[in-house]
C-alpha atoms as a PDB file:
ATOM      1  CA  UNK A   1      -0.029  -0.036   0.002  1.00  0.00           C
ATOM      2  CA  UNK A   2       1.494   3.515  -1.078  1.00  0.00           C
ATOM      3  CA  UNK A   3       1.172   6.436   0.850  1.00  0.00           C
ATOM      4  CA  UNK A   4       0.158   9.885  -0.726  1.00  0.00           C
ATOM      5  CA  UNK A   5       3.434  11.384   0.171  1.00  0.00           C
ATOM      6  CA  UNK A   6       5.709   8.791  -0.446  1.00  0.00           C
ATOM      7  CA  UNK A   7       8.946   9.612  -2.046  1.00  0.00           C
ATOM      8  CA  UNK A   8      12.061   7.570  -3.288  1.00  0.00           C
ATOM      9  CA  UNK A   9      15.126   7.222  -1.097  1.00  0.00           C
ATOM     10  CA  UNK A  10      17.312   9.259  -3.364  1.00  0.00           C
ATOM     11  CA  UNK A  11      14.607  12.165  -3.266  1.00  0.00           C
ATOM     12  CA  UNK A  12      14.486  11.988   0.540  1.00  0.00           C
ATOM     13  CA  UNK A  13      18.144  12.244   1.055  1.00  0.00           C
ATOM     14  CA  UNK A  14      18.607  14.825  -1.641  1.00  0.00           C
ATOM     15  CA  UNK A  15      15.743  16.882   0.196  1.00  0.00           C
ATOM     16  CA  UNK A  16      17.440  16.102   3.685  1.00  0.00           C
ATOM     17  CA  UNK A  17      20.989  17.646   2.255  1.00  0.00           C
ATOM     18  CA  UNK A  18      19.480  20.634   0.968  1.00  0.00           C
ATOM     19  CA  UNK A  19      17.869  21.730   4.088  1.00  0.00           C
ATOM     20  CA  UNK A  20      20.961  20.878   6.071  1.00  0.00           C
ATOM     21  CA  UNK A  21      23.622  23.102   4.652  1.00  0.00           C
ATOM     22  CA  UNK A  22      26.123  22.462   7.455  1.00  0.00           C
ATOM     23  CA  UNK A  23      26.075  18.936   6.812  1.00  0.00           C
ATOM     24  CA  UNK A  24      26.511  19.302   3.190  1.00  0.00           C
ATOM     25  CA  UNK A  25      29.548  21.552   3.863  1.00  0.00           C
ATOM     26  CA  UNK A  26      30.987  18.997   6.051  1.00  0.00           C
ATOM     27  CA  UNK A  27      30.516  16.188   3.582  1.00  0.00           C
ATOM     28  CA  UNK A  28      32.167  18.245   0.838  1.00  0.00           C
ATOM     29  CA  UNK A  29      35.118  19.202   3.250  1.00  0.00           C
ATOM     30  CA  UNK A  30      35.345  15.269   3.821  1.00  0.00           C
ATOM     31  CA  UNK A  31      35.413  14.771   0.034  1.00  0.00           C
ATOM     32  CA  UNK A  32      38.495  17.076  -0.274  1.00  0.00           C
ATOM     33  CA  UNK A  33      40.309  15.272   2.528  1.00  0.00           C
ATOM     34  CA  UNK A  34      39.696  12.065   0.645  1.00  0.00           C
ATOM     35  CA  UNK A  35      40.337  13.100  -2.592  1.00  0.00           C
ATOM     36  CA  UNK A  36      43.802  14.612  -1.938  1.00  0.00           C
ATOM     37  CA  UNK A  37      45.869  11.586  -2.737  1.00  0.00           C
ATOM     38  CA  UNK A  38      43.773  10.857  -5.716  1.00  0.00           C
ATOM     39  CA  UNK A  39      43.724  14.208  -7.092  1.00  0.00           C
ATOM     40  CA  UNK A  40      47.420  15.213  -6.412  1.00  0.00           C
ATOM     41  CA  UNK A  41      49.096  11.552  -6.676  1.00  0.00           C
ATOM     42  CA  UNK A  42      50.889   9.108  -4.588  1.00  0.00           C
ATOM     43  CA  UNK A  43      54.259  11.070  -4.617  1.00  0.00           C
ATOM     44  CA  UNK A  44      52.304  13.932  -3.023  1.00  0.00           C
ATOM     45  CA  UNK A  45      50.438  11.944  -0.521  1.00  0.00           C
ATOM     46  CA  UNK A  46      53.511  10.128   0.549  1.00  0.00           C
ATOM     47  CA  UNK A  47      54.981  13.309   2.190  1.00  0.00           C
ATOM     48  CA  UNK A  48      51.526  14.359   3.427  1.00  0.00           C
ATOM     49  CA  UNK A  49      50.637  13.879   7.166  1.00  0.00           C
ATOM     50  CA  UNK A  50      47.540  15.098   8.586  1.00  0.00           C
ATOM     51  CA  UNK A  51      44.867  17.226   6.460  1.00  0.00           C
ATOM     52  CA  UNK A  52      42.185  18.962   8.576  1.00  0.00           C
ATOM     53  CA  UNK A  53      39.952  22.069   8.067  1.00  0.00           C
ATOM     54  CA  UNK A  54      39.523  24.662  10.491  1.00  0.00           C
ATOM     55  CA  UNK A  55      36.696  26.836   9.232  1.00  0.00           C
ATOM     56  CA  UNK A  56      37.148  27.296   5.605  1.00  0.00           C
ATOM     57  CA  UNK A  57      40.862  26.757   5.698  1.00  0.00           C
ATOM     58  CA  UNK A  58      42.470  23.347   4.743  1.00  0.00           C
ATOM     59  CA  UNK A  59      45.624  22.588   6.913  1.00  0.00           C
ATOM     60  CA  UNK A  60      48.325  20.300   5.310  1.00  0.00           C
ATOM     61  CA  UNK A  61      51.007  18.945   7.357  1.00  0.00           C
ATOM     62  CA  UNK A  62      53.877  18.074   4.782  1.00  0.00           C
ATOM     63  CA  UNK A  63      57.282  16.038   5.692  1.00  0.00           C
ATOM     64  CA  UNK A  64      59.079  17.578   2.859  1.00  0.00           C
ATOM     65  CA  UNK A  65      60.266  21.459   2.867  1.00  0.00           C
ATOM     66  CA  UNK A  66      60.891  21.294  -0.635  1.00  0.00           C
ATOM     67  CA  UNK A  67      57.368  20.075  -1.670  1.00  0.00           C
ATOM     68  CA  UNK A  68      55.981  22.628   0.735  1.00  0.00           C
ATOM     69  CA  UNK A  69      57.813  25.368  -1.357  1.00  0.00           C
ATOM     70  CA  UNK A  70      56.511  23.884  -4.510  1.00  0.00           C
ATOM     71  CA  UNK A  71      52.792  23.581  -3.424  1.00  0.00           C
ATOM     72  CA  UNK A  72      52.831  27.132  -2.097  1.00  0.00           C
ATOM     73  CA  UNK A  73      53.856  28.235  -5.729  1.00  0.00           C
ATOM     74  CA  UNK A  74      50.758  26.792  -7.106  1.00  0.00           C
ATOM     75  CA  UNK A  75      48.171  27.093  -4.083  1.00  0.00           C
ATOM     76  CA  UNK A  76      45.385  28.991  -5.920  1.00  0.00           C
ATOM     77  CA  UNK A  77      45.508  25.907  -8.530  1.00  0.00           C
ATOM     78  CA  UNK A  78      45.272  23.538  -5.943  1.00  0.00           C
ATOM     79  CA  UNK A  79      42.402  25.283  -4.328  1.00  0.00           C
ATOM     80  CA  UNK A  80      40.540  25.470  -7.554  1.00  0.00           C
ATOM     81  CA  UNK A  81      40.994  21.861  -8.192  1.00  0.00           C
ATOM     82  CA  UNK A  82      39.940  20.789  -4.594  1.00  0.00           C
ATOM     83  CA  UNK A  83      36.759  22.887  -4.688  1.00  0.00           C
ATOM     84  CA  UNK A  84      35.984  21.336  -8.184  1.00  0.00           C
ATOM     85  CA  UNK A  85      36.284  17.839  -6.625  1.00  0.00           C
ATOM     86  CA  UNK A  86      34.213  18.801  -3.614  1.00  0.00           C
ATOM     87  CA  UNK A  87      31.478  20.125  -5.942  1.00  0.00           C
ATOM     88  CA  UNK A  88      31.215  23.360  -4.139  1.00  0.00           C
ATOM     89  CA  UNK A  89      33.446  25.875  -2.620  1.00  0.00           C
ATOM     90  CA  UNK A  90      34.612  24.764   0.753  1.00  0.00           C
ATOM     91  CA  UNK A  91      38.622  25.713   0.574  1.00  0.00           C
ATOM     92  CA  UNK A  92      39.189  29.462   0.677  1.00  0.00           C
ATOM     93  CA  UNK A  93      42.735  28.782   1.769  1.00  0.00           C
ATOM     94  CA  UNK A  94      45.533  26.371   2.302  1.00  0.00           C
ATOM     95  CA  UNK A  95      48.133  26.448   5.183  1.00  0.00           C
ATOM     96  CA  UNK A  96      51.244  24.188   4.446  1.00  0.00           C
ATOM     97  CA  UNK A  97      52.733  23.091   7.860  1.00  0.00           C
END
């Protein structure tokens, strides 16, 4: 027996995420963190320690000073790629440590 206001699970989840913008941003931030090694390769991921967000800033701990200097030079490109991967603007700045 179908109810009058029944909707599919995908529609219900879509409605849930559209109403909860904070949760949607948190999920996009997690996509950025999970996608770091996928986007930039195993070479960069090998020297990457901890990745985390504080507000709209992504903090990246690196074990190589040379890599840190190189990534700082292309920071704007990295931000653009990460935001495209997240499908929304969640990274406004990156701090390399």
